[in-house]
Amino acid sequence: MSGPPGAGPPVAGPSATALLVQRHLAVPRLGTYIRAAGGDLDRGVELYLWNASVAGALWEALGHGEVVLRNTLHDRVPWSGVGSSRVASRSYCC
């Protein structure tokens, strides 16, 4: 994954993609990124999309960690007497 965008040369006006994103996102939401990009809509949208990519990668890693934690707990907790055969088996998890 590369660093945050924004080093490109200035363009004549906002791209069609930037205008589309601007139309569908709330002003306060996108405004944060546009301000961080010095008022440039295209750079602000690029920054927003980069942030979404970073957040997605974080959620993926958290998901894998959650599965590892759940499986570790399943293997180490004494499940006898729990009362549910579903809980005592691995049929519910990965």
N, C-alpha and C. Protein backbone atom coordinates (compact mmCIF):
# COMPACT_ATOMS: atom_id res chain seq x y z
N MET A 1 0.84 -1.16 0.00
CA MET A 1 0.00 0.00 0.00
C MET A 1 0.89 1.23 0.00
N SER A 2 0.58 2.18 -0.85
CA SER A 2 1.38 3.39 -0.93
C SER A 2 0.90 4.42 0.08
N GLY A 3 1.66 5.49 0.18
CA GLY A 3 1.32 6.54 1.12
C GLY A 3 0.13 7.35 0.65
N PRO A 4 -0.27 8.34 1.44
CA PRO A 4 -1.42 9.15 1.07
C PRO A 4 -1.18 9.89 -0.23
N PRO A 5 -2.22 10.05 -1.03
CA PRO A 5 -2.08 10.73 -2.30
C PRO A 5 -1.96 12.23 -2.13
N GLY A 6 -1.74 12.91 -3.24
CA GLY A 6 -1.77 14.35 -3.19
C GLY A 6 -0.55 15.03 -3.77
N ALA A 7 0.39 14.30 -4.33
CA ALA A 7 1.60 14.91 -4.85
C ALA A 7 1.53 15.19 -6.34
N GLY A 8 0.40 14.89 -6.96
CA GLY A 8 0.27 15.06 -8.40
C GLY A 8 0.12 16.53 -8.79
N PRO A 9 0.29 16.81 -10.08
CA PRO A 9 0.15 18.19 -10.55
C PRO A 9 -1.30 18.64 -10.51
N PRO A 10 -1.55 19.94 -10.40
CA PRO A 10 -2.92 20.44 -10.39
C PRO A 10 -3.60 20.22 -11.74
N VAL A 11 -4.91 20.05 -11.72
CA VAL A 11 -5.67 19.86 -12.95
C VAL A 11 -6.64 21.02 -13.11
N ALA A 12 -7.26 21.12 -14.31
CA ALA A 12 -8.13 22.25 -14.63
C ALA A 12 -9.36 22.32 -13.73
N GLY A 13 -9.93 21.20 -13.37
CA GLY A 13 -11.12 21.19 -12.54
C GLY A 13 -11.29 19.81 -11.93
N PRO A 14 -12.27 19.66 -11.06
CA PRO A 14 -12.49 18.36 -10.43
C PRO A 14 -12.83 17.29 -11.45
N SER A 15 -12.36 16.08 -11.19
CA SER A 15 -12.66 14.96 -12.08
C SER A 15 -14.10 14.53 -11.89
N ALA A 16 -14.60 13.75 -12.85
CA ALA A 16 -15.97 13.22 -12.76
C ALA A 16 -16.12 12.34 -11.53
N THR A 17 -15.08 11.57 -11.21
CA THR A 17 -15.13 10.70 -10.03
C THR A 17 -15.25 11.53 -8.76
N ALA A 18 -14.46 12.59 -8.66
CA ALA A 18 -14.51 13.44 -7.47
C ALA A 18 -15.88 14.10 -7.33
N LEU A 19 -16.44 14.56 -8.43
CA LEU A 19 -17.77 15.16 -8.37
C LEU A 19 -18.84 14.16 -7.96
N LEU A 20 -18.71 12.92 -8.44
CA LEU A 20 -19.66 11.87 -8.08
C LEU A 20 -19.58 11.55 -6.58
N VAL A 21 -18.35 11.41 -6.08
CA VAL A 21 -18.16 11.14 -4.65
C VAL A 21 -18.70 12.30 -3.83
N GLN A 22 -18.43 13.52 -4.26
CA GLN A 22 -18.90 14.71 -3.54
C GLN A 22 -20.43 14.73 -3.48
N ARG A 23 -21.07 14.31 -4.55
CA ARG A 23 -22.53 14.33 -4.59
C ARG A 23 -23.14 13.32 -3.61
N HIS A 24 -22.43 12.22 -3.33
CA HIS A 24 -23.01 11.14 -2.53
C HIS A 24 -22.53 11.09 -1.07
N LEU A 25 -21.55 11.88 -0.72
CA LEU A 25 -21.09 11.91 0.67
C LEU A 25 -21.54 13.19 1.34
N ALA A 26 -21.80 13.10 2.63
CA ALA A 26 -22.20 14.28 3.39
C ALA A 26 -21.07 15.31 3.40
N VAL A 27 -21.44 16.56 3.36
CA VAL A 27 -20.45 17.65 3.34
C VAL A 27 -19.49 17.57 4.53
N PRO A 28 -19.98 17.36 5.76
CA PRO A 28 -19.03 17.28 6.89
C PRO A 28 -18.05 16.11 6.74
N ARG A 29 -18.52 15.01 6.18
CA ARG A 29 -17.66 13.82 6.02
C ARG A 29 -16.54 14.09 5.03
N LEU A 30 -16.88 14.54 3.85
CA LEU A 30 -15.87 14.77 2.82
C LEU A 30 -15.08 16.04 3.07
N GLY A 31 -15.72 17.00 3.74
CA GLY A 31 -15.06 18.28 4.00
C GLY A 31 -13.77 18.14 4.78
N THR A 32 -13.73 17.19 5.68
CA THR A 32 -12.51 16.94 6.46
C THR A 32 -11.34 16.63 5.54
N TYR A 33 -11.58 15.80 4.54
CA TYR A 33 -10.53 15.39 3.62
C TYR A 33 -10.17 16.51 2.64
N ILE A 34 -11.16 17.27 2.21
CA ILE A 34 -10.89 18.39 1.30
C ILE A 34 -10.05 19.44 2.01
N ARG A 35 -10.37 19.73 3.27
CA ARG A 35 -9.56 20.68 4.04
C ARG A 35 -8.12 20.17 4.20
N ALA A 36 -7.98 18.87 4.48
CA ALA A 36 -6.64 18.29 4.63
C ALA A 36 -5.86 18.36 3.32
N ALA A 37 -6.58 18.40 2.20
CA ALA A 37 -5.94 18.46 0.88
C ALA A 37 -5.82 19.89 0.39
N GLY A 38 -5.94 20.84 1.28
CA GLY A 38 -5.77 22.24 0.91
C GLY A 38 -6.88 22.79 0.04
N GLY A 39 -8.07 22.22 0.15
CA GLY A 39 -9.21 22.71 -0.62
C GLY A 39 -9.37 22.07 -1.99
N ASP A 40 -8.49 21.17 -2.35
CA ASP A 40 -8.54 20.50 -3.66
C ASP A 40 -9.48 19.29 -3.60
N LEU A 41 -10.58 19.33 -4.35
CA LEU A 41 -11.57 18.26 -4.30
C LEU A 41 -10.99 16.92 -4.75
N ASP A 42 -10.26 16.91 -5.85
CA ASP A 42 -9.68 15.64 -6.33
C ASP A 42 -8.74 15.03 -5.30
N ARG A 43 -7.86 15.84 -4.75
CA ARG A 43 -6.93 15.33 -3.73
C ARG A 43 -7.68 14.90 -2.48
N GLY A 44 -8.72 15.63 -2.11
CA GLY A 44 -9.53 15.26 -0.95
C GLY A 44 -10.21 13.91 -1.15
N VAL A 45 -10.75 13.67 -2.34
CA VAL A 45 -11.38 12.39 -2.64
C VAL A 45 -10.34 11.27 -2.66
N GLU A 46 -9.17 11.54 -3.23
CA GLU A 46 -8.10 10.55 -3.21
C GLU A 46 -7.72 10.19 -1.78
N LEU A 47 -7.64 11.19 -0.93
CA LEU A 47 -7.31 10.96 0.48
C LEU A 47 -8.41 10.15 1.16
N TYR A 48 -9.67 10.48 0.87
CA TYR A 48 -10.80 9.74 1.43
C TYR A 48 -10.73 8.26 1.01
N LEU A 49 -10.48 8.00 -0.26
CA LEU A 49 -10.41 6.63 -0.76
C LEU A 49 -9.20 5.89 -0.18
N TRP A 50 -8.08 6.59 -0.03
CA TRP A 50 -6.90 5.98 0.60
C TRP A 50 -7.21 5.60 2.04
N ASN A 51 -7.90 6.50 2.77
CA ASN A 51 -8.27 6.22 4.15
C ASN A 51 -9.20 5.01 4.23
N ALA A 52 -10.15 4.91 3.29
CA ALA A 52 -11.06 3.75 3.27
C ALA A 52 -10.27 2.46 3.03
N SER A 53 -9.26 2.52 2.18
CA SER A 53 -8.43 1.34 1.92
C SER A 53 -7.64 0.92 3.16
N VAL A 54 -7.08 1.89 3.86
CA VAL A 54 -6.34 1.60 5.09
C VAL A 54 -7.28 1.02 6.15
N ALA A 55 -8.47 1.61 6.29
CA ALA A 55 -9.44 1.12 7.27
C ALA A 55 -9.88 -0.30 6.92
N GLY A 56 -10.07 -0.58 5.62
CA GLY A 56 -10.46 -1.93 5.21
C GLY A 56 -9.38 -2.95 5.54
N ALA A 57 -8.13 -2.58 5.34
CA ALA A 57 -7.02 -3.48 5.67
C ALA A 57 -6.97 -3.74 7.18
N LEU A 58 -7.25 -2.71 7.97
CA LEU A 58 -7.27 -2.88 9.42
C LEU A 58 -8.38 -3.83 9.84
N TRP A 59 -9.58 -3.66 9.28
CA TRP A 59 -10.69 -4.55 9.64
C TRP A 59 -10.41 -5.99 9.24
N GLU A 60 -9.73 -6.18 8.11
CA GLU A 60 -9.38 -7.54 7.70
C GLU A 60 -8.44 -8.18 8.72
N ALA A 61 -7.43 -7.43 9.14
CA ALA A 61 -6.48 -7.95 10.15
C ALA A 61 -7.20 -8.22 11.48
N LEU A 62 -8.09 -7.31 11.88
CA LEU A 62 -8.84 -7.53 13.12
C LEU A 62 -9.72 -8.78 13.02
N GLY A 63 -10.30 -9.02 11.86
CA GLY A 63 -11.13 -10.20 11.67
C GLY A 63 -10.34 -11.48 11.82
N HIS A 64 -9.14 -11.52 11.25
CA HIS A 64 -8.29 -12.70 11.40
C HIS A 64 -7.89 -12.90 12.86
N GLY A 65 -7.55 -11.80 13.52
CA GLY A 65 -7.19 -11.89 14.94
C GLY A 65 -8.35 -12.39 15.79
N GLU A 66 -9.56 -11.97 15.46
CA GLU A 66 -10.74 -12.41 16.20
C GLU A 66 -10.94 -13.92 16.05
N VAL A 67 -10.75 -14.45 14.85
CA VAL A 67 -10.90 -15.89 14.62
C VAL A 67 -9.83 -16.66 15.42
N VAL A 68 -8.60 -16.17 15.40
CA VAL A 68 -7.53 -16.83 16.16
C VAL A 68 -7.86 -16.81 17.64
N LEU A 69 -8.31 -15.67 18.17
CA LEU A 69 -8.67 -15.58 19.58
C LEU A 69 -9.82 -16.53 19.92
N ARG A 70 -10.84 -16.54 19.09
CA ARG A 70 -12.00 -17.41 19.35
C ARG A 70 -11.60 -18.88 19.35
N ASN A 71 -10.79 -19.27 18.36
CA ASN A 71 -10.35 -20.66 18.29
C ASN A 71 -9.43 -21.03 19.46
N THR A 72 -8.58 -20.11 19.88
CA THR A 72 -7.72 -20.36 21.03
C THR A 72 -8.55 -20.54 22.30
N LEU A 73 -9.54 -19.67 22.48
CA LEU A 73 -10.42 -19.81 23.64
C LEU A 73 -11.15 -21.15 23.59
N HIS A 74 -11.62 -21.53 22.42
CA HIS A 74 -12.34 -22.80 22.29
C HIS A 74 -11.44 -23.97 22.69
N ASP A 75 -10.18 -23.92 22.28
CA ASP A 75 -9.26 -25.01 22.58
C ASP A 75 -8.83 -25.06 24.04
N ARG A 76 -8.87 -23.92 24.74
CA ARG A 76 -8.33 -23.87 26.10
C ARG A 76 -9.37 -23.81 27.21
N VAL A 77 -10.59 -23.43 26.90
CA VAL A 77 -11.62 -23.35 27.93
C VAL A 77 -12.23 -24.74 28.14
N PRO A 78 -12.36 -25.18 29.38
CA PRO A 78 -13.00 -26.48 29.62
C PRO A 78 -14.51 -26.38 29.37
N TRP A 79 -14.96 -26.96 28.30
CA TRP A 79 -16.35 -26.82 27.88
C TRP A 79 -17.28 -27.88 28.49
N SER A 80 -16.78 -28.78 29.30
CA SER A 80 -17.66 -29.81 29.87
C SER A 80 -18.70 -29.15 30.76
N GLY A 81 -19.92 -29.59 30.64
CA GLY A 81 -21.00 -29.05 31.44
C GLY A 81 -21.58 -27.76 30.93
N VAL A 82 -21.18 -27.32 29.75
CA VAL A 82 -21.69 -26.07 29.19
C VAL A 82 -23.16 -26.22 28.83
N GLY A 83 -23.55 -27.40 28.35
CA GLY A 83 -24.96 -27.65 28.08
C GLY A 83 -25.36 -27.55 26.63
N SER A 84 -24.53 -27.03 25.79
CA SER A 84 -24.88 -26.93 24.38
C SER A 84 -23.83 -27.65 23.55
N SER A 85 -24.27 -28.64 22.81
CA SER A 85 -23.31 -29.37 21.97
C SER A 85 -22.75 -28.47 20.88
N ARG A 86 -23.51 -27.44 20.47
CA ARG A 86 -23.02 -26.52 19.44
C ARG A 86 -21.82 -25.74 19.97
N VAL A 87 -21.89 -25.29 21.22
CA VAL A 87 -20.78 -24.55 21.81
C VAL A 87 -19.57 -25.45 21.98
N ALA A 88 -19.81 -26.70 22.32
CA ALA A 88 -18.71 -27.63 22.59
C ALA A 88 -18.07 -28.17 21.32
N SER A 89 -18.62 -27.88 20.16
CA SER A 89 -18.00 -28.35 18.92
C SER A 89 -17.48 -27.18 18.13
N ARG A 90 -16.69 -27.45 17.13
CA ARG A 90 -16.16 -26.39 16.28
C ARG A 90 -17.05 -26.15 15.06
N SER A 91 -18.24 -26.70 15.03
CA SER A 91 -19.09 -26.58 13.87
C SER A 91 -19.54 -25.15 13.62
N TYR A 92 -19.45 -24.29 14.63
CA TYR A 92 -19.91 -22.92 14.50
C TYR A 92 -18.80 -21.97 14.07
N CYS A 93 -17.57 -22.42 14.12
CA CYS A 93 -16.50 -21.49 13.80
C CYS A 93 -15.59 -22.03 12.70
N CYS A 94 -14.64 -21.25 12.38
CA CYS A 94 -13.77 -21.52 11.22
C CYS A 94 -12.87 -22.68 11.47
